[in-house]
């Protein structure tokens, strides 16, 4: 099959999703990795931190959690603990993996069994030139086939590269195996920044809607209102997208919630502070209509890194219920 698959995240709306980026340790170091994970990285959450976050997020309406990395299959004992806890709370649980462990059907079943017994419902895998630099495409195919034998939802993610012939070889292998895949575009974040030196600028009206507003707990303990993390720069931390750190002594769940509500409202077409409306009508945002952006992420960082713009959004959002009444 060459038809694209359906993203398994789409089983839940973004406001019900939580992503836990458990570790930055990975057995490989893909050239396009936006969080720049590798065998040398040591950042990792504790199981107590994950359990506390899961409990708080459940109380705030989250119902789906994805555990990602780095590579979570490097930590089967810890993953079994937090997956079990998430399932006991009531979450639907997925995990992401590069499938390095699926060397054969038998080994794939052995490695996947503890995750299944703990209660996962889905498995997202990667098959592209960046991952296949380290092992053959047969591994994610084997992992997906094994996961479905357990009754799990599966997703193979394919990220485009500049090497079209190699891309086509991987796609052909997926098609021959009957594996649908989800196509991802290369992002100008993390290590991929070095590969995307040339980009076509887009006016705000040409930008796609943001579909990455998933609350994310990073392996550093930082919390974001977005799953497209890029810790190589500090710009994201100068915007409301950065919700704070669970490791901070003055961590304030209510403040995190207010910041996340503002970010979500900024991208909600029904909101009084919808970004397209602000660019058309508000003096602080109108100059952005004269600029070009590579994608919605770069626009977000540019628009929300200005404290004056953020203050204007907060004022309008706070006044909206009064105005409506």
C-alpha atoms as a PDB file:
ATOM      1  CA  UNK A   1       0.000   0.000   0.000  1.00  0.00           C
ATOM      2  CA  UNK A   2       1.279   3.453  -0.874  1.00  0.00           C
ATOM      3  CA  UNK A   3      -1.673   5.305   0.604  1.00  0.00           C
ATOM      4  CA  UNK A   4      -0.936   7.335   3.668  1.00  0.00           C
ATOM      5  CA  UNK A   5      -2.044   6.051   7.032  1.00  0.00           C
ATOM      6  CA  UNK A   6      -4.111   7.940   9.580  1.00  0.00           C
ATOM      7  CA  UNK A   7      -2.085   9.525  12.414  1.00  0.00           C
ATOM      8  CA  UNK A   8      -2.858   7.651  15.610  1.00  0.00           C
ATOM      9  CA  UNK A   9      -2.716  10.896  17.575  1.00  0.00           C
ATOM     10  CA  UNK A  10      -5.870  11.949  15.753  1.00  0.00           C
ATOM     11  CA  UNK A  11      -7.878   9.535  17.877  1.00  0.00           C
ATOM     12  CA  UNK A  12      -8.001  12.369  20.431  1.00  0.00           C
ATOM     13  CA  UNK A  13      -8.334  16.154  20.095  1.00  0.00           C
ATOM     14  CA  UNK A  14      -5.197  18.106  20.975  1.00  0.00           C
ATOM     15  CA  UNK A  15      -6.572  19.435  24.278  1.00  0.00           C
ATOM     16  CA  UNK A  16      -6.898  15.834  25.536  1.00  0.00           C
ATOM     17  CA  UNK A  17      -3.371  14.803  24.548  1.00  0.00           C
ATOM     18  CA  UNK A  18      -0.206  14.712  26.619  1.00  0.00           C
ATOM     19  CA  UNK A  19       3.276  13.872  25.348  1.00  0.00           C
ATOM     20  CA  UNK A  20       5.975  12.743  27.774  1.00  0.00           C
ATOM     21  CA  UNK A  21       9.443  13.075  26.252  1.00  0.00           C
ATOM     22  CA  UNK A  22      10.893  10.640  28.780  1.00  0.00           C
ATOM     23  CA  UNK A  23      14.562  10.686  27.770  1.00  0.00           C
ATOM     24  CA  UNK A  24      17.018  12.283  25.369  1.00  0.00           C
ATOM     25  CA  UNK A  25      19.193   9.175  25.434  1.00  0.00           C
ATOM     26  CA  UNK A  26      18.973   7.313  22.150  1.00  0.00           C
ATOM     27  CA  UNK A  27      21.014   4.544  20.607  1.00  0.00           C
ATOM     28  CA  UNK A  28      21.228   6.532  17.360  1.00  0.00           C
ATOM     29  CA  UNK A  29      21.649  10.210  16.436  1.00  0.00           C
ATOM     30  CA  UNK A  30      19.437  11.014  13.452  1.00  0.00           C
ATOM     31  CA  UNK A  31      20.431  14.017  11.356  1.00  0.00           C
ATOM     32  CA  UNK A  32      16.911  15.497  11.501  1.00  0.00           C
ATOM     33  CA  UNK A  33      16.153  15.007  15.209  1.00  0.00           C
ATOM     34  CA  UNK A  34      14.456  18.130  16.555  1.00  0.00           C
ATOM     35  CA  UNK A  35      15.333  17.350  20.205  1.00  0.00           C
ATOM     36  CA  UNK A  36      18.890  16.363  19.229  1.00  0.00           C
ATOM     37  CA  UNK A  37      18.843  13.063  21.117  1.00  0.00           C
ATOM     38  CA  UNK A  38      21.862  10.750  20.903  1.00  0.00           C
ATOM     39  CA  UNK A  39      23.819   8.083  22.836  1.00  0.00           C
ATOM     40  CA  UNK A  40      25.672  10.928  24.598  1.00  0.00           C
ATOM     41  CA  UNK A  41      22.607  12.653  26.025  1.00  0.00           C
ATOM     42  CA  UNK A  42      21.729  11.819  29.626  1.00  0.00           C
ATOM     43  CA  UNK A  43      18.668  13.972  30.333  1.00  0.00           C
ATOM     44  CA  UNK A  44      15.817  11.867  31.668  1.00  0.00           C
ATOM     45  CA  UNK A  45      12.714  12.187  33.795  1.00  0.00           C
ATOM     46  CA  UNK A  46      12.248  10.199  36.972  1.00  0.00           C
ATOM     47  CA  UNK A  47       9.284   7.870  37.235  1.00  0.00           C
ATOM     48  CA  UNK A  48       7.997   9.956  40.161  1.00  0.00           C
ATOM     49  CA  UNK A  49       8.040  13.071  37.971  1.00  0.00           C
ATOM     50  CA  UNK A  50       6.111  11.264  35.262  1.00  0.00           C
ATOM     51  CA  UNK A  51       3.557   9.872  37.708  1.00  0.00           C
ATOM     52  CA  UNK A  52       2.933  13.302  39.213  1.00  0.00           C
ATOM     53  CA  UNK A  53       2.549  14.868  35.777  1.00  0.00           C
ATOM     54  CA  UNK A  54       0.164  12.155  34.633  1.00  0.00           C
ATOM     55  CA  UNK A  55      -2.018  12.668  37.708  1.00  0.00           C
ATOM     56  CA  UNK A  56      -2.158  16.450  37.301  1.00  0.00           C
ATOM     57  CA  UNK A  57      -2.803  16.225  33.556  1.00  0.00           C
ATOM     58  CA  UNK A  58      -5.622  13.715  34.095  1.00  0.00           C
ATOM     59  CA  UNK A  59      -7.302  16.137  36.492  1.00  0.00           C
ATOM     60  CA  UNK A  60      -7.002  18.801  33.764  1.00  0.00           C
ATOM     61  CA  UNK A  61      -8.761  16.704  31.142  1.00  0.00           C
ATOM     62  CA  UNK A  62      -5.943  14.867  29.378  1.00  0.00           C
ATOM     63  CA  UNK A  63      -6.976  11.386  28.255  1.00  0.00           C
ATOM     64  CA  UNK A  64      -4.244  10.249  25.854  1.00  0.00           C
ATOM     65  CA  UNK A  65      -0.508  10.079  26.521  1.00  0.00           C
ATOM     66  CA  UNK A  66       2.374   9.304  24.190  1.00  0.00           C
ATOM     67  CA  UNK A  67       5.747   8.344  25.636  1.00  0.00           C
ATOM     68  CA  UNK A  68       8.625   9.367  23.379  1.00  0.00           C
ATOM     69  CA  UNK A  69      12.331  10.131  23.488  1.00  0.00           C
ATOM     70  CA  UNK A  70      15.097   9.604  22.659  1.00  0.00           C
ATOM     71  CA  UNK A  71      14.352   5.910  22.694  1.00  0.00           C
ATOM     72  CA  UNK A  72      11.984   4.645  25.380  1.00  0.00           C
ATOM     73  CA  UNK A  73      12.724   0.980  24.627  1.00  0.00           C
ATOM     74  CA  UNK A  74      16.092   1.513  26.285  1.00  0.00           C
ATOM     75  CA  UNK A  75      14.187   1.744  29.596  1.00  0.00           C
ATOM     76  CA  UNK A  76      11.682  -1.141  29.665  1.00  0.00           C
ATOM     77  CA  UNK A  77      11.474  -1.320  33.485  1.00  0.00           C
ATOM     78  CA  UNK A  78      10.764   2.385  33.917  1.00  0.00           C
ATOM     79  CA  UNK A  79       8.366   2.415  30.994  1.00  0.00           C
ATOM     80  CA  UNK A  80       6.423  -0.509  32.363  1.00  0.00           C
ATOM     81  CA  UNK A  81       5.982   1.391  35.647  1.00  0.00           C
ATOM     82  CA  UNK A  82       4.724   4.655  34.138  1.00  0.00           C
ATOM     83  CA  UNK A  83       2.580   2.959  31.477  1.00  0.00           C
ATOM     84  CA  UNK A  84       0.882   0.886  34.186  1.00  0.00           C
ATOM     85  CA  UNK A  85       0.265   4.029  36.228  1.00  0.00           C
ATOM     86  CA  UNK A  86      -1.172   5.849  33.204  1.00  0.00           C
ATOM     87  CA  UNK A  87      -3.521   2.961  32.421  1.00  0.00           C
ATOM     88  CA  UNK A  88      -4.691   2.791  36.031  1.00  0.00           C
ATOM     89  CA  UNK A  89      -5.589   6.477  35.831  1.00  0.00           C
ATOM     90  CA  UNK A  90      -7.568   5.795  32.656  1.00  0.00           C
ATOM     91  CA  UNK A  91      -5.274   7.036  29.884  1.00  0.00           C
ATOM     92  CA  UNK A  92      -5.027   5.549  26.424  1.00  0.00           C
ATOM     93  CA  UNK A  93      -1.276   5.038  26.055  1.00  0.00           C
ATOM     94  CA  UNK A  94       0.942   5.036  22.963  1.00  0.00           C
ATOM     95  CA  UNK A  95       4.719   4.832  22.661  1.00  0.00           C
ATOM     96  CA  UNK A  96       7.129   5.971  19.957  1.00  0.00           C
ATOM     97  CA  UNK A  97      10.201   3.995  18.963  1.00  0.00           C
ATOM     98  CA  UNK A  98      12.820   3.746  16.249  1.00  0.00           C
ATOM     99  CA  UNK A  99      12.319  -0.076  16.231  1.00  0.00           C
ATOM    100  CA  UNK A 100      16.011  -0.920  16.610  1.00  0.00           C
ATOM    101  CA  UNK A 101      14.909  -3.922  18.685  1.00  0.00           C
ATOM    102  CA  UNK A 102      12.843  -5.613  15.937  1.00  0.00           C
ATOM    103  CA  UNK A 103      15.611  -7.724  14.409  1.00  0.00           C
ATOM    104  CA  UNK A 104      13.226 -10.654  13.944  1.00  0.00           C
ATOM    105  CA  UNK A 105       9.608 -11.531  14.619  1.00  0.00           C
ATOM    106  CA  UNK A 106      10.602 -13.469  17.713  1.00  0.00           C
ATOM    107  CA  UNK A 107      12.788 -10.744  19.180  1.00  0.00           C
ATOM    108  CA  UNK A 108      10.229  -8.065  18.349  1.00  0.00           C
ATOM    109  CA  UNK A 109       7.586 -10.008  20.235  1.00  0.00           C
ATOM    110  CA  UNK A 110       9.909 -10.462  23.215  1.00  0.00           C
ATOM    111  CA  UNK A 111      10.792  -6.751  23.394  1.00  0.00           C
ATOM    112  CA  UNK A 112       7.236  -5.540  22.873  1.00  0.00           C
ATOM    113  CA  UNK A 113       5.532  -7.908  25.340  1.00  0.00           C
ATOM    114  CA  UNK A 114       6.356  -5.923  28.538  1.00  0.00           C
ATOM    115  CA  UNK A 115       4.908  -2.770  26.988  1.00  0.00           C
ATOM    116  CA  UNK A 116       1.759  -4.618  25.926  1.00  0.00           C
ATOM    117  CA  UNK A 117       1.350  -6.197  29.357  1.00  0.00           C
ATOM    118  CA  UNK A 118       1.707  -2.762  30.943  1.00  0.00           C
ATOM    119  CA  UNK A 119      -1.173  -1.510  28.791  1.00  0.00           C
ATOM    120  CA  UNK A 120      -0.118   0.344  25.642  1.00  0.00           C
ATOM    121  CA  UNK A 121      -2.695   0.771  22.890  1.00  0.00           C
ATOM    122  CA  UNK A 122      -0.560   2.065  20.047  1.00  0.00           C
ATOM    123  CA  UNK A 123       2.954   2.114  18.640  1.00  0.00           C
ATOM    124  CA  UNK A 124       4.414   4.835  16.393  1.00  0.00           C
ATOM    125  CA  UNK A 125       7.534   3.973  14.404  1.00  0.00           C
ATOM    126  CA  UNK A 126       9.911   5.694  12.009  1.00  0.00           C
ATOM    127  CA  UNK A 127      11.058   4.636   8.544  1.00  0.00           C
ATOM    128  CA  UNK A 128      13.055   7.195   6.587  1.00  0.00           C
ATOM    129  CA  UNK A 129      16.561   7.878   5.347  1.00  0.00           C
ATOM    130  CA  UNK A 130      17.590   9.352   8.695  1.00  0.00           C
ATOM    131  CA  UNK A 131      16.709   6.222  10.691  1.00  0.00           C
ATOM    132  CA  UNK A 132      17.635   3.739   7.962  1.00  0.00           C
ATOM    133  CA  UNK A 133      21.191   5.093   8.146  1.00  0.00           C
ATOM    134  CA  UNK A 134      21.510   2.862  11.214  1.00  0.00           C
ATOM    135  CA  UNK A 135      19.445  -0.226  10.387  1.00  0.00           C
ATOM    136  CA  UNK A 136      17.274  -1.590   7.547  1.00  0.00           C
ATOM    137  CA  UNK A 137      13.661  -0.643   6.880  1.00  0.00           C
ATOM    138  CA  UNK A 138      12.638  -4.214   7.685  1.00  0.00           C
ATOM    139  CA  UNK A 139      12.877  -3.419  11.401  1.00  0.00           C
ATOM    140  CA  UNK A 140      10.034  -0.879  11.621  1.00  0.00           C
ATOM    141  CA  UNK A 141       8.041  -3.115   9.289  1.00  0.00           C
ATOM    142  CA  UNK A 142       8.602  -6.086  11.610  1.00  0.00           C
ATOM    143  CA  UNK A 143       7.771  -3.967  14.651  1.00  0.00           C
ATOM    144  CA  UNK A 144       4.507  -2.760  13.099  1.00  0.00           C
ATOM    145  CA  UNK A 145       3.484  -6.264  12.072  1.00  0.00           C
ATOM    146  CA  UNK A 146       4.218  -7.593  15.557  1.00  0.00           C
ATOM    147  CA  UNK A 147       2.358  -4.734  17.225  1.00  0.00           C
ATOM    148  CA  UNK A 148      -0.765  -5.438  15.191  1.00  0.00           C
ATOM    149  CA  UNK A 149      -0.585  -9.101  16.200  1.00  0.00           C
ATOM    150  CA  UNK A 150      -1.079  -7.798  19.756  1.00  0.00           C
ATOM    151  CA  UNK A 151      -4.055  -5.713  18.604  1.00  0.00           C
ATOM    152  CA  UNK A 152      -2.228  -2.376  18.814  1.00  0.00           C
ATOM    153  CA  UNK A 153      -2.849   0.648  16.623  1.00  0.00           C
ATOM    154  CA  UNK A 154       0.275   1.325  14.543  1.00  0.00           C
ATOM    155  CA  UNK A 155       1.751   4.208  12.635  1.00  0.00           C
ATOM    156  CA  UNK A 156       4.870   4.407  10.496  1.00  0.00           C
ATOM    157  CA  UNK A 157       6.198   7.928  10.083  1.00  0.00           C
ATOM    158  CA  UNK A 158       8.129   8.777   6.945  1.00  0.00           C
ATOM    159  CA  UNK A 159      10.058  12.067   6.796  1.00  0.00           C
ATOM    160  CA  UNK A 160      11.041  13.403   3.407  1.00  0.00           C
ATOM    161  CA  UNK A 161      14.674  14.108   2.598  1.00  0.00           C
ATOM    162  CA  UNK A 162      16.596  15.706  -0.273  1.00  0.00           C
ATOM    163  CA  UNK A 163      17.614  12.240  -1.498  1.00  0.00           C
ATOM    164  CA  UNK A 164      14.579  11.380  -3.608  1.00  0.00           C
ATOM    165  CA  UNK A 165      15.846   8.058  -4.930  1.00  0.00           C
ATOM    166  CA  UNK A 166      16.546   6.723  -1.439  1.00  0.00           C
ATOM    167  CA  UNK A 167      13.175   8.029  -0.261  1.00  0.00           C
ATOM    168  CA  UNK A 168      11.482   6.117  -3.056  1.00  0.00           C
ATOM    169  CA  UNK A 169      13.326   2.924  -2.097  1.00  0.00           C
ATOM    170  CA  UNK A 170      12.018   3.147   1.470  1.00  0.00           C
ATOM    171  CA  UNK A 171       8.485   3.930   0.287  1.00  0.00           C
ATOM    172  CA  UNK A 172       8.655   0.970  -2.091  1.00  0.00           C
ATOM    173  CA  UNK A 173       9.688  -1.322   0.781  1.00  0.00           C
ATOM    174  CA  UNK A 174       6.761  -0.106   2.879  1.00  0.00           C
ATOM    175  CA  UNK A 175       4.383  -0.599  -0.038  1.00  0.00           C
ATOM    176  CA  UNK A 176       5.692  -4.114  -0.718  1.00  0.00           C
ATOM    177  CA  UNK A 177       5.076  -4.982   2.928  1.00  0.00           C
ATOM    178  CA  UNK A 178       1.571  -3.487   2.794  1.00  0.00           C
ATOM    179  CA  UNK A 179       2.449  -0.869   5.411  1.00  0.00           C
ATOM    180  CA  UNK A 180       0.680   2.500   5.214  1.00  0.00           C
ATOM    181  CA  UNK A 181       2.693   5.482   6.339  1.00  0.00           C
ATOM    182  CA  UNK A 182       2.242   9.073   7.428  1.00  0.00           C
ATOM    183  CA  UNK A 183       4.338  11.628   5.544  1.00  0.00           C
ATOM    184  CA  UNK A 184       6.123  14.245   7.651  1.00  0.00           C
ATOM    185  CA  UNK A 185       7.943  17.275   6.322  1.00  0.00           C
ATOM    186  CA  UNK A 186      11.476  18.086   7.388  1.00  0.00           C
ATOM    187  CA  UNK A 187      11.334  20.837  10.031  1.00  0.00           C
ATOM    188  CA  UNK A 188      13.863  23.629  10.473  1.00  0.00           C
ATOM    189  CA  UNK A 189      14.400  22.687  14.103  1.00  0.00           C
ATOM    190  CA  UNK A 190      17.072  20.837  16.052  1.00  0.00           C
ATOM    191  CA  UNK A 191      19.750  19.214  13.895  1.00  0.00           C
ATOM    192  CA  UNK A 192      17.658  19.710  10.764  1.00  0.00           C
ATOM    193  CA  UNK A 193      18.375  23.449  10.852  1.00  0.00           C
ATOM    194  CA  UNK A 194      21.733  22.697   9.227  1.00  0.00           C
ATOM    195  CA  UNK A 195      20.024  20.880   6.348  1.00  0.00           C
ATOM    196  CA  UNK A 196      17.481  23.594   5.606  1.00  0.00           C
ATOM    197  CA  UNK A 197      19.600  26.551   4.621  1.00  0.00           C
ATOM    198  CA  UNK A 198      17.272  27.539   1.791  1.00  0.00           C
ATOM    199  CA  UNK A 199      13.556  27.990   2.361  1.00  0.00           C
ATOM    200  CA  UNK A 200      10.657  29.656   0.630  1.00  0.00           C
ATOM    201  CA  UNK A 201       9.068  32.358   2.698  1.00  0.00           C
ATOM    202  CA  UNK A 202       5.326  32.379   3.348  1.00  0.00           C
ATOM    203  CA  UNK A 203       3.076  35.268   4.208  1.00  0.00           C
ATOM    204  CA  UNK A 204       0.873  34.757   7.257  1.00  0.00           C
ATOM    205  CA  UNK A 205      -2.177  34.150   5.081  1.00  0.00           C
ATOM    206  CA  UNK A 206      -0.346  31.239   3.423  1.00  0.00           C
ATOM    207  CA  UNK A 207       0.621  29.471   6.650  1.00  0.00           C
ATOM    208  CA  UNK A 208      -1.139  26.274   7.644  1.00  0.00           C
ATOM    209  CA  UNK A 209      -3.094  26.009  10.850  1.00  0.00           C
ATOM    210  CA  UNK A 210      -1.144  24.793  13.887  1.00  0.00           C
ATOM    211  CA  UNK A 211      -1.934  21.162  14.750  1.00  0.00           C
ATOM    212  CA  UNK A 212       0.919  20.545  17.212  1.00  0.00           C
ATOM    213  CA  UNK A 213      -0.586  22.043  20.376  1.00  0.00           C
ATOM    214  CA  UNK A 214      -0.068  18.986  22.521  1.00  0.00           C
ATOM    215  CA  UNK A 215       1.024  19.533  26.120  1.00  0.00           C
ATOM    216  CA  UNK A 216       4.552  18.137  26.324  1.00  0.00           C
ATOM    217  CA  UNK A 217       6.696  17.298  29.330  1.00  0.00           C
ATOM    218  CA  UNK A 218      10.297  17.389  28.174  1.00  0.00           C
ATOM    219  CA  UNK A 219      13.105  15.179  29.468  1.00  0.00           C
ATOM    220  CA  UNK A 220      14.608  18.303  31.072  1.00  0.00           C
ATOM    221  CA  UNK A 221      11.513  18.794  33.253  1.00  0.00           C
ATOM    222  CA  UNK A 222      10.308  21.724  31.133  1.00  0.00           C
ATOM    223  CA  UNK A 223       6.678  21.813  30.008  1.00  0.00           C
ATOM    224  CA  UNK A 224       5.512  23.208  26.675  1.00  0.00           C
ATOM    225  CA  UNK A 225       2.193  23.835  24.958  1.00  0.00           C
ATOM    226  CA  UNK A 226       3.607  22.256  21.801  1.00  0.00           C
ATOM    227  CA  UNK A 227       5.124  18.935  20.755  1.00  0.00           C
ATOM    228  CA  UNK A 228       7.565  20.412  18.227  1.00  0.00           C
ATOM    229  CA  UNK A 229      10.317  21.078  20.744  1.00  0.00           C
ATOM    230  CA  UNK A 230      13.623  22.646  19.865  1.00  0.00           C
ATOM    231  CA  UNK A 231      15.921  22.982  22.857  1.00  0.00           C
ATOM    232  CA  UNK A 232      18.830  24.152  20.729  1.00  0.00           C
ATOM    233  CA  UNK A 233      17.685  27.758  21.128  1.00  0.00           C
ATOM    234  CA  UNK A 234      16.218  29.792  23.961  1.00  0.00           C
ATOM    235  CA  UNK A 235      13.600  31.531  21.823  1.00  0.00           C
ATOM    236  CA  UNK A 236      10.809  29.130  22.745  1.00  0.00           C
ATOM    237  CA  UNK A 237      11.376  29.887  26.423  1.00  0.00           C
ATOM    238  CA  UNK A 238      10.709  33.563  25.739  1.00  0.00           C
ATOM    239  CA  UNK A 239       7.154  32.811  24.645  1.00  0.00           C
ATOM    240  CA  UNK A 240       3.973  31.580  26.409  1.00  0.00           C
ATOM    241  CA  UNK A 241       4.544  28.242  24.642  1.00  0.00           C
ATOM    242  CA  UNK A 242       6.995  27.549  27.474  1.00  0.00           C
ATOM    243  CA  UNK A 243       4.800  26.701  30.457  1.00  0.00           C
ATOM    244  CA  UNK A 244       7.517  26.382  33.101  1.00  0.00           C
ATOM    245  CA  UNK A 245       9.419  23.566  34.778  1.00  0.00           C
ATOM    246  CA  UNK A 246       8.107  20.847  37.050  1.00  0.00           C
ATOM    247  CA  UNK A 247      11.501  20.981  38.777  1.00  0.00           C
ATOM    248  CA  UNK A 248      11.154  24.630  39.752  1.00  0.00           C
ATOM    249  CA  UNK A 249      10.427  25.406  43.392  1.00  0.00           C
ATOM    250  CA  UNK A 250       7.868  28.030  42.337  1.00  0.00           C
ATOM    251  CA  UNK A 251       6.165  25.844  39.741  1.00  0.00           C
ATOM    252  CA  UNK A 252       2.577  27.035  39.415  1.00  0.00           C
ATOM    253  CA  UNK A 253       0.056  24.749  37.718  1.00  0.00           C
ATOM    254  CA  UNK A 254      -2.508  27.561  37.471  1.00  0.00           C
ATOM    255  CA  UNK A 255       0.001  29.843  35.716  1.00  0.00           C
ATOM    256  CA  UNK A 256       0.913  27.051  33.295  1.00  0.00           C
ATOM    257  CA  UNK A 257      -2.758  26.570  32.522  1.00  0.00           C
ATOM    258  CA  UNK A 258      -3.289  30.287  31.807  1.00  0.00           C
ATOM    259  CA  UNK A 259      -0.322  30.399  29.429  1.00  0.00           C
ATOM    260  CA  UNK A 260      -1.474  27.293  27.600  1.00  0.00           C
ATOM    261  CA  UNK A 261      -5.007  28.660  27.249  1.00  0.00           C
ATOM    262  CA  UNK A 262      -3.583  31.792  25.653  1.00  0.00           C
ATOM    263  CA  UNK A 263      -1.512  29.805  23.139  1.00  0.00           C
ATOM    264  CA  UNK A 264      -4.467  27.607  22.242  1.00  0.00           C
ATOM    265  CA  UNK A 265      -6.735  30.630  21.817  1.00  0.00           C
ATOM    266  CA  UNK A 266      -4.161  32.270  19.528  1.00  0.00           C
ATOM    267  CA  UNK A 267      -4.625  29.387  17.072  1.00  0.00           C
ATOM    268  CA  UNK A 268      -8.372  28.857  17.538  1.00  0.00           C
ATOM    269  CA  UNK A 269     -10.423  30.310  14.629  1.00  0.00           C
ATOM    270  CA  UNK A 270     -13.342  30.834  17.024  1.00  0.00           C
ATOM    271  CA  UNK A 271     -11.233  32.817  19.489  1.00  0.00           C
ATOM    272  CA  UNK A 272     -11.185  36.631  19.813  1.00  0.00           C
ATOM    273  CA  UNK A 273      -7.370  36.485  19.616  1.00  0.00           C
ATOM    274  CA  UNK A 274      -7.077  34.137  16.592  1.00  0.00           C
ATOM    275  CA  UNK A 275      -3.712  34.842  14.977  1.00  0.00           C
ATOM    276  CA  UNK A 276      -5.060  35.676  11.512  1.00  0.00           C
ATOM    277  CA  UNK A 277      -7.534  38.137  13.011  1.00  0.00           C
ATOM    278  CA  UNK A 278      -4.812  39.758  15.111  1.00  0.00           C
ATOM    279  CA  UNK A 279      -2.511  40.173  12.098  1.00  0.00           C
ATOM    280  CA  UNK A 280      -5.319  41.785  10.098  1.00  0.00           C
ATOM    281  CA  UNK A 281      -6.646  44.079  12.804  1.00  0.00           C
ATOM    282  CA  UNK A 282      -4.288  44.757  15.726  1.00  0.00           C
ATOM    283  CA  UNK A 283      -1.550  47.417  15.355  1.00  0.00           C
ATOM    284  CA  UNK A 284       1.032  45.346  17.250  1.00  0.00           C
ATOM    285  CA  UNK A 285       0.508  42.333  14.987  1.00  0.00           C
ATOM    286  CA  UNK A 286      -0.101  44.026  11.624  1.00  0.00           C
ATOM    287  CA  UNK A 287       3.635  44.456  10.841  1.00  0.00           C
ATOM    288  CA  UNK A 288       3.903  40.648  10.791  1.00  0.00           C
ATOM    289  CA  UNK A 289       1.812  40.672   7.620  1.00  0.00           C
ATOM    290  CA  UNK A 290       4.788  42.183   5.806  1.00  0.00           C
ATOM    291  CA  UNK A 291       7.185  39.436   6.890  1.00  0.00           C
ATOM    292  CA  UNK A 292       7.831  35.930   5.567  1.00  0.00           C
ATOM    293  CA  UNK A 293       8.035  32.736   7.592  1.00  0.00           C
ATOM    294  CA  UNK A 294       9.240  29.245   6.775  1.00  0.00           C
ATOM    295  CA  UNK A 295       6.316  27.641   8.647  1.00  0.00           C
ATOM    296  CA  UNK A 296       3.777  28.189  11.406  1.00  0.00           C
ATOM    297  CA  UNK A 297       6.410  27.405  14.062  1.00  0.00           C
ATOM    298  CA  UNK A 298       8.706  30.257  13.035  1.00  0.00           C
ATOM    299  CA  UNK A 299       5.717  32.601  12.947  1.00  0.00           C
ATOM    300  CA  UNK A 300       4.745  31.513  16.460  1.00  0.00           C
ATOM    301  CA  UNK A 301       8.203  32.206  17.852  1.00  0.00           C
ATOM    302  CA  UNK A 302       8.318  35.615  16.153  1.00  0.00           C
ATOM    303  CA  UNK A 303       4.809  36.687  17.143  1.00  0.00           C
ATOM    304  CA  UNK A 304       4.821  35.484  20.744  1.00  0.00           C
ATOM    305  CA  UNK A 305       8.369  36.470  21.726  1.00  0.00           C
ATOM    306  CA  UNK A 306       7.282  40.118  22.050  1.00  0.00           C
ATOM    307  CA  UNK A 307       6.032  40.828  25.620  1.00  0.00           C
ATOM    308  CA  UNK A 308       3.879  43.716  24.353  1.00  0.00           C
ATOM    309  CA  UNK A 309       2.037  41.424  21.944  1.00  0.00           C
ATOM    310  CA  UNK A 310       1.547  38.790  24.645  1.00  0.00           C
ATOM    311  CA  UNK A 311       0.200  41.424  27.040  1.00  0.00           C
ATOM    312  CA  UNK A 312      -2.266  42.583  24.368  1.00  0.00           C
ATOM    313  CA  UNK A 313      -3.455  39.004  23.839  1.00  0.00           C
ATOM    314  CA  UNK A 314      -3.917  38.506  27.576  1.00  0.00           C
ATOM    315  CA  UNK A 315      -5.938  41.709  27.862  1.00  0.00           C
ATOM    316  CA  UNK A 316      -8.205  40.845  24.944  1.00  0.00           C
ATOM    317  CA  UNK A 317      -8.709  37.283  26.095  1.00  0.00           C
ATOM    318  CA  UNK A 318      -9.514  38.413  29.641  1.00  0.00           C
ATOM    319  CA  UNK A 319     -12.001  41.002  28.381  1.00  0.00           C
ATOM    320  CA  UNK A 320     -13.772  38.682  25.942  1.00  0.00           C
ATOM    321  CA  UNK A 321     -16.239  37.032  28.398  1.00  0.00           C
ATOM    322  CA  UNK A 322     -17.266  40.438  29.779  1.00  0.00           C
ATOM    323  CA  UNK A 323     -17.755  41.786  26.295  1.00  0.00           C
ATOM    324  CA  UNK A 324     -19.824  38.752  25.336  1.00  0.00           C
ATOM    325  CA  UNK A 325     -22.116  39.170  28.322  1.00  0.00           C
END
